[in-house]
Amino acid sequence: MSRNLEPITVATLQMAAGLTIRQHEPGGNTWNPGTCWQCTPTGCPQLAWAYEVRDGGAAAYPVPMRS
């Protein structure tokens, strides 16, 4: 089954949030902090979303600033 056809569950959101947080951490990955499309000099709404999901908050994904 395609991942696009899978239902979005709490576990799926937590996995996505974990990947987002890991992308923004230094070392151990291929990305440098601040290199995602949502990062700005004032912060990253995608990273803020990931922390909110990790902490059990709302799961509404932020509107992309760039695509």
N, C-alpha and C. Protein backbone atom coordinates (compact mmCIF):
# COMPACT_ATOMS: atom_id res chain seq x y z
N MET A 1 0.84 -1.18 0.00
CA MET A 1 0.00 0.00 0.00
C MET A 1 0.88 1.24 0.00
N SER A 2 0.51 2.21 -0.77
CA SER A 2 1.24 3.47 -0.82
C SER A 2 1.07 4.21 0.49
N ARG A 3 2.13 4.88 0.94
CA ARG A 3 2.02 5.68 2.17
C ARG A 3 1.01 6.80 2.00
N ASN A 4 0.78 7.23 0.76
CA ASN A 4 -0.21 8.28 0.52
C ASN A 4 -1.62 7.80 0.79
N LEU A 5 -1.84 6.48 0.76
CA LEU A 5 -3.16 5.92 0.97
C LEU A 5 -3.39 5.46 2.41
N GLU A 6 -2.34 5.45 3.20
CA GLU A 6 -2.47 5.02 4.59
C GLU A 6 -3.19 6.09 5.40
N PRO A 7 -3.98 5.66 6.38
CA PRO A 7 -4.63 6.65 7.24
C PRO A 7 -3.60 7.39 8.10
N ILE A 8 -3.91 8.62 8.41
CA ILE A 8 -3.03 9.41 9.28
C ILE A 8 -3.43 9.12 10.72
N THR A 9 -2.51 8.51 11.44
CA THR A 9 -2.76 8.15 12.83
C THR A 9 -1.85 8.98 13.74
N VAL A 10 -2.09 8.86 15.02
CA VAL A 10 -1.24 9.55 15.99
C VAL A 10 0.20 9.05 15.85
N ALA A 11 0.37 7.76 15.64
CA ALA A 11 1.72 7.20 15.47
C ALA A 11 2.40 7.76 14.24
N THR A 12 1.65 7.94 13.16
CA THR A 12 2.22 8.52 11.93
C THR A 12 2.67 9.95 12.18
N LEU A 13 1.84 10.74 12.87
CA LEU A 13 2.20 12.12 13.17
C LEU A 13 3.42 12.18 14.08
N GLN A 14 3.48 11.29 15.06
CA GLN A 14 4.63 11.28 15.96
C GLN A 14 5.90 10.89 15.22
N MET A 15 5.80 9.97 14.27
CA MET A 15 6.96 9.60 13.47
C MET A 15 7.44 10.79 12.63
N ALA A 16 6.49 11.49 11.99
CA ALA A 16 6.85 12.66 11.18
C ALA A 16 7.46 13.75 12.06
N ALA A 17 6.91 13.94 13.23
CA ALA A 17 7.45 14.95 14.14
C ALA A 17 8.87 14.58 14.56
N GLY A 18 9.09 13.30 14.86
CA GLY A 18 10.43 12.85 15.24
C GLY A 18 11.44 13.06 14.13
N LEU A 19 11.04 12.77 12.90
CA LEU A 19 11.95 12.99 11.77
C LEU A 19 12.26 14.47 11.59
N THR A 20 11.26 15.32 11.79
CA THR A 20 11.47 16.77 11.67
C THR A 20 12.42 17.27 12.74
N ILE A 21 12.22 16.82 13.97
CA ILE A 21 13.10 17.23 15.07
C ILE A 21 14.52 16.76 14.79
N ARG A 22 14.67 15.51 14.36
CA ARG A 22 16.01 14.98 14.08
C ARG A 22 16.69 15.74 12.95
N GLN A 23 15.92 16.18 11.96
CA GLN A 23 16.50 16.95 10.85
C GLN A 23 17.12 18.25 11.36
N HIS A 24 16.52 18.83 12.38
CA HIS A 24 16.97 20.13 12.86
C HIS A 24 18.07 20.03 13.92
N GLU A 25 18.40 18.82 14.36
CA GLU A 25 19.45 18.65 15.37
C GLU A 25 20.80 18.53 14.68
N PRO A 26 21.85 19.08 15.28
CA PRO A 26 23.17 18.96 14.67
C PRO A 26 23.72 17.55 14.79
N GLY A 27 24.46 17.14 13.77
CA GLY A 27 25.15 15.85 13.79
C GLY A 27 24.24 14.66 13.55
N GLY A 28 24.80 13.63 12.97
CA GLY A 28 24.09 12.38 12.81
C GLY A 28 23.07 12.35 11.68
N ASN A 29 23.04 13.36 10.86
CA ASN A 29 22.12 13.35 9.72
C ASN A 29 22.77 14.08 8.55
N THR A 30 22.09 14.10 7.43
CA THR A 30 22.66 14.73 6.24
C THR A 30 22.25 16.19 6.11
N TRP A 31 21.41 16.66 6.99
CA TRP A 31 20.94 18.04 6.94
C TRP A 31 21.63 18.87 8.01
N ASN A 32 21.87 20.12 7.70
CA ASN A 32 22.37 21.04 8.70
C ASN A 32 21.18 21.77 9.30
N PRO A 33 21.24 22.10 10.59
CA PRO A 33 20.13 22.84 11.19
C PRO A 33 19.84 24.10 10.40
N GLY A 34 18.56 24.38 10.23
CA GLY A 34 18.16 25.60 9.53
C GLY A 34 18.10 25.46 8.03
N THR A 35 18.22 24.25 7.50
CA THR A 35 18.22 24.11 6.05
C THR A 35 16.91 23.59 5.48
N CYS A 36 15.89 23.46 6.30
CA CYS A 36 14.61 23.02 5.74
C CYS A 36 13.91 24.21 5.08
N TRP A 37 12.93 23.93 4.27
CA TRP A 37 12.23 24.98 3.51
C TRP A 37 11.43 25.91 4.39
N GLN A 38 11.12 25.49 5.60
CA GLN A 38 10.30 26.32 6.49
C GLN A 38 11.12 27.20 7.43
N CYS A 39 12.42 26.94 7.55
CA CYS A 39 13.26 27.71 8.48
C CYS A 39 13.43 29.15 8.02
N THR A 40 13.35 30.04 8.98
CA THR A 40 13.59 31.46 8.75
C THR A 40 14.54 31.94 9.85
N PRO A 41 15.06 33.14 9.74
CA PRO A 41 15.93 33.65 10.81
C PRO A 41 15.21 33.76 12.16
N THR A 42 13.89 33.81 12.16
CA THR A 42 13.14 33.94 13.41
C THR A 42 12.62 32.62 13.94
N GLY A 43 12.88 31.51 13.24
CA GLY A 43 12.43 30.22 13.73
C GLY A 43 11.88 29.35 12.61
N CYS A 44 11.30 28.24 12.98
CA CYS A 44 10.79 27.30 12.00
C CYS A 44 9.41 26.80 12.45
N PRO A 45 8.35 27.14 11.70
CA PRO A 45 7.02 26.68 12.10
C PRO A 45 6.88 25.17 12.04
N GLN A 46 7.61 24.51 11.15
CA GLN A 46 7.54 23.06 11.06
C GLN A 46 8.16 22.43 12.31
N LEU A 47 9.26 22.99 12.78
CA LEU A 47 9.89 22.48 14.00
C LEU A 47 9.00 22.74 15.21
N ALA A 48 8.38 23.91 15.26
CA ALA A 48 7.45 24.22 16.36
C ALA A 48 6.30 23.22 16.37
N TRP A 49 5.79 22.88 15.17
CA TRP A 49 4.73 21.88 15.05
C TRP A 49 5.21 20.54 15.59
N ALA A 50 6.42 20.15 15.23
CA ALA A 50 6.96 18.85 15.65
C ALA A 50 7.07 18.78 17.17
N TYR A 51 7.53 19.84 17.81
CA TYR A 51 7.62 19.85 19.27
C TYR A 51 6.22 19.77 19.88
N GLU A 52 5.26 20.46 19.28
CA GLU A 52 3.89 20.43 19.79
C GLU A 52 3.31 19.02 19.71
N VAL A 53 3.52 18.34 18.58
CA VAL A 53 3.04 16.97 18.42
C VAL A 53 3.75 16.05 19.41
N ARG A 54 5.05 16.19 19.54
CA ARG A 54 5.81 15.36 20.47
C ARG A 54 5.31 15.51 21.91
N ASP A 55 4.92 16.74 22.25
CA ASP A 55 4.47 17.02 23.61
C ASP A 55 2.98 16.73 23.81
N GLY A 56 2.34 16.16 22.79
CA GLY A 56 0.94 15.76 22.92
C GLY A 56 -0.06 16.83 22.56
N GLY A 57 0.38 17.89 21.90
CA GLY A 57 -0.51 18.99 21.53
C GLY A 57 -1.24 18.73 20.22
N ALA A 58 -1.80 19.78 19.69
CA ALA A 58 -2.57 19.71 18.45
C ALA A 58 -1.70 19.22 17.31
N ALA A 59 -2.34 18.57 16.35
CA ALA A 59 -1.60 17.99 15.24
C ALA A 59 -1.82 18.73 13.92
N ALA A 60 -2.40 19.91 13.95
CA ALA A 60 -2.64 20.66 12.72
C ALA A 60 -1.29 21.08 12.14
N TYR A 61 -1.03 20.67 10.91
CA TYR A 61 0.24 20.96 10.27
C TYR A 61 0.30 22.43 9.86
N PRO A 62 1.43 23.11 10.02
CA PRO A 62 1.50 24.52 9.65
C PRO A 62 1.38 24.72 8.15
N VAL A 63 0.82 25.83 7.75
CA VAL A 63 0.72 26.17 6.33
C VAL A 63 2.13 26.43 5.82
N PRO A 64 2.56 25.73 4.76
CA PRO A 64 3.92 25.93 4.25
C PRO A 64 4.14 27.38 3.82
N MET A 65 5.28 27.91 4.22
CA MET A 65 5.64 29.27 3.83
C MET A 65 6.22 29.28 2.43
N ARG A 66 6.84 28.19 2.05
CA ARG A 66 7.41 28.04 0.70
C ARG A 66 7.09 26.63 0.23
N SER A 67 7.03 26.46 -1.06
CA SER A 67 6.79 25.11 -1.57
C SER A 67 7.70 24.83 -2.74
